[in-house]
C-alpha atoms as a PDB file:
ATOM      1  CA  MET A   1     -54.750 109.610 248.584  1.00  0.00           C
ATOM      2  CA  LYS A   2     -51.585 107.678 248.402  1.00  0.00           C
ATOM      3  CA  GLY A   3     -51.510 105.623 245.655  1.00  0.00           C
ATOM      4  CA  TYR A   4     -53.956 107.066 243.657  1.00  0.00           C
ATOM      5  CA  ARG A   5     -52.079 109.701 241.607  1.00  0.00           C
ATOM      6  CA  THR A   6     -52.073 107.523 238.523  1.00  0.00           C
ATOM      7  CA  ILE A   7     -55.317 106.433 238.903  1.00  0.00           C
ATOM      8  CA  THR A   8     -56.430 109.776 239.157  1.00  0.00           C
ATOM      9  CA  LEU A   9     -54.518 110.743 235.999  1.00  0.00           C
ATOM     10  CA  ASN A  10     -55.537 107.660 233.944  1.00  0.00           C
ATOM     11  CA  VAL A  11     -59.411 108.342 235.356  1.00  0.00           C
ATOM     12  CA  LEU A  12     -58.307 112.180 233.403  1.00  0.00           C
ATOM     13  CA  ALA A  13     -56.935 110.097 230.254  1.00  0.00           C
ATOM     14  CA  THR A  14     -60.604 108.543 229.849  1.00  0.00           C
ATOM     15  CA  VAL A  15     -62.270 112.109 230.256  1.00  0.00           C
ATOM     16  CA  VAL A  16     -60.636 113.598 227.684  1.00  0.00           C
ATOM     17  CA  GLY A  17     -60.725 111.116 225.352  1.00  0.00           C
ATOM     18  CA  ALA A  18     -64.099 110.312 225.789  1.00  0.00           C
ATOM     19  CA  LEU A  19     -64.689 114.583 225.439  1.00  0.00           C
ATOM     20  CA  MET A  20     -62.765 113.775 221.785  1.00  0.00           C
ATOM     21  CA  THR A  21     -65.973 111.135 220.685  1.00  0.00           C
ATOM     22  CA  THR A  22     -67.947 114.724 221.348  1.00  0.00           C
ATOM     23  CA  ASP A  23     -67.533 118.419 219.145  1.00  0.00           C
ATOM     24  CA  TRP A  24     -64.437 118.919 221.080  1.00  0.00           C
ATOM     25  CA  GLY A  25     -63.167 121.366 218.297  1.00  0.00           C
ATOM     26  CA  SER A  26     -65.869 124.231 220.016  1.00  0.00           C
ATOM     27  CA  VAL A  27     -63.791 123.690 223.053  1.00  0.00           C
ATOM     28  CA  ALA A  28     -60.443 123.832 221.687  1.00  0.00           C
ATOM     29  CA  ASP A  29     -58.409 123.073 218.352  1.00  0.00           C
ATOM     30  CA  ALA A  30     -57.174 120.049 216.932  1.00  0.00           C
ATOM     31  CA  HIS A  31     -53.672 121.277 218.503  1.00  0.00           C
ATOM     32  CA  THR A  32     -54.145 122.270 221.366  1.00  0.00           C
ATOM     33  CA  ALA A  33     -56.209 118.528 221.994  1.00  0.00           C
ATOM     34  CA  GLY A  34     -53.204 117.080 221.017  1.00  0.00           C
ATOM     35  CA  VAL A  35     -50.737 118.890 223.095  1.00  0.00           C
ATOM     36  CA  VAL A  36     -53.330 118.037 226.217  1.00  0.00           C
ATOM     37  CA  VAL A  37     -53.735 114.453 225.760  1.00  0.00           C
ATOM     38  CA  GLY A  38     -49.724 113.932 225.143  1.00  0.00           C
ATOM     39  CA  GLY A  39     -48.709 116.189 228.474  1.00  0.00           C
ATOM     40  CA  LEU A  40     -51.584 113.545 230.411  1.00  0.00           C
ATOM     41  CA  GLY A  41     -49.315 110.407 228.970  1.00  0.00           C
ATOM     42  CA  LEU A  42     -46.494 112.096 229.955  1.00  0.00           C
ATOM     43  CA  ALA A  43     -47.823 113.467 233.286  1.00  0.00           C
ATOM     44  CA  ASN A  44     -48.501 109.565 233.561  1.00  0.00           C
ATOM     45  CA  THR A  45     -45.295 108.778 232.538  1.00  0.00           C
ATOM     46  CA  VAL A  46     -43.180 110.592 234.981  1.00  0.00           C
ATOM     47  CA  LEU A  47     -46.071 109.594 237.515  1.00  0.00           C
ATOM     48  CA  ARG A  48     -45.067 106.388 237.037  1.00  0.00           C
ATOM     49  CA  PHE A  49     -41.416 106.552 238.362  1.00  0.00           C
ATOM     50  CA  PHE A  50     -42.745 108.181 241.743  1.00  0.00           C
ATOM     51  CA  THR A  51     -45.508 105.924 242.629  1.00  0.00           C
ATOM     52  CA  ASP A  52     -43.949 102.075 243.295  1.00  0.00           C
ATOM     53  CA  GLY A  53     -46.648 100.466 245.136  1.00  0.00           C
ATOM     54  CA  PRO A  54     -49.929  99.029 244.914  1.00  0.00           C
ATOM     55  CA  ILE A  55     -53.001 101.296 245.047  1.00  0.00           C
ATOM     56  CA  GLY A  56     -54.628 102.414 248.443  1.00  0.00           C
ATOM     57  CA  GLY A  57     -50.723 101.003 249.989  1.00  0.00           C
ATOM     58  CA  GLY A  58     -48.370 102.636 251.620  1.00  0.00           C
ATOM     59  CA  ARG A  59     -44.465 102.689 251.963  1.00  0.00           C
ATOM     60  CA  GLU A  60     -43.220 100.276 254.762  1.00  0.00           C
ATOM     61  CA  ALA A  61     -40.177 102.087 256.177  1.00  0.00           C
END
């Protein structure tokens, strides 16, 4: 699954965003929702430092 970590995280962020348009308050309060979305953004930033190749491409030795 090399190269797909960032895409996977962004898809997860999209799903969370879609959930926020529904009755997200029944799942968690606004503070928790903010922490989750902020955590996704931070994780995406951290992953960018570890992924530098094209999607699906491996590193050449």
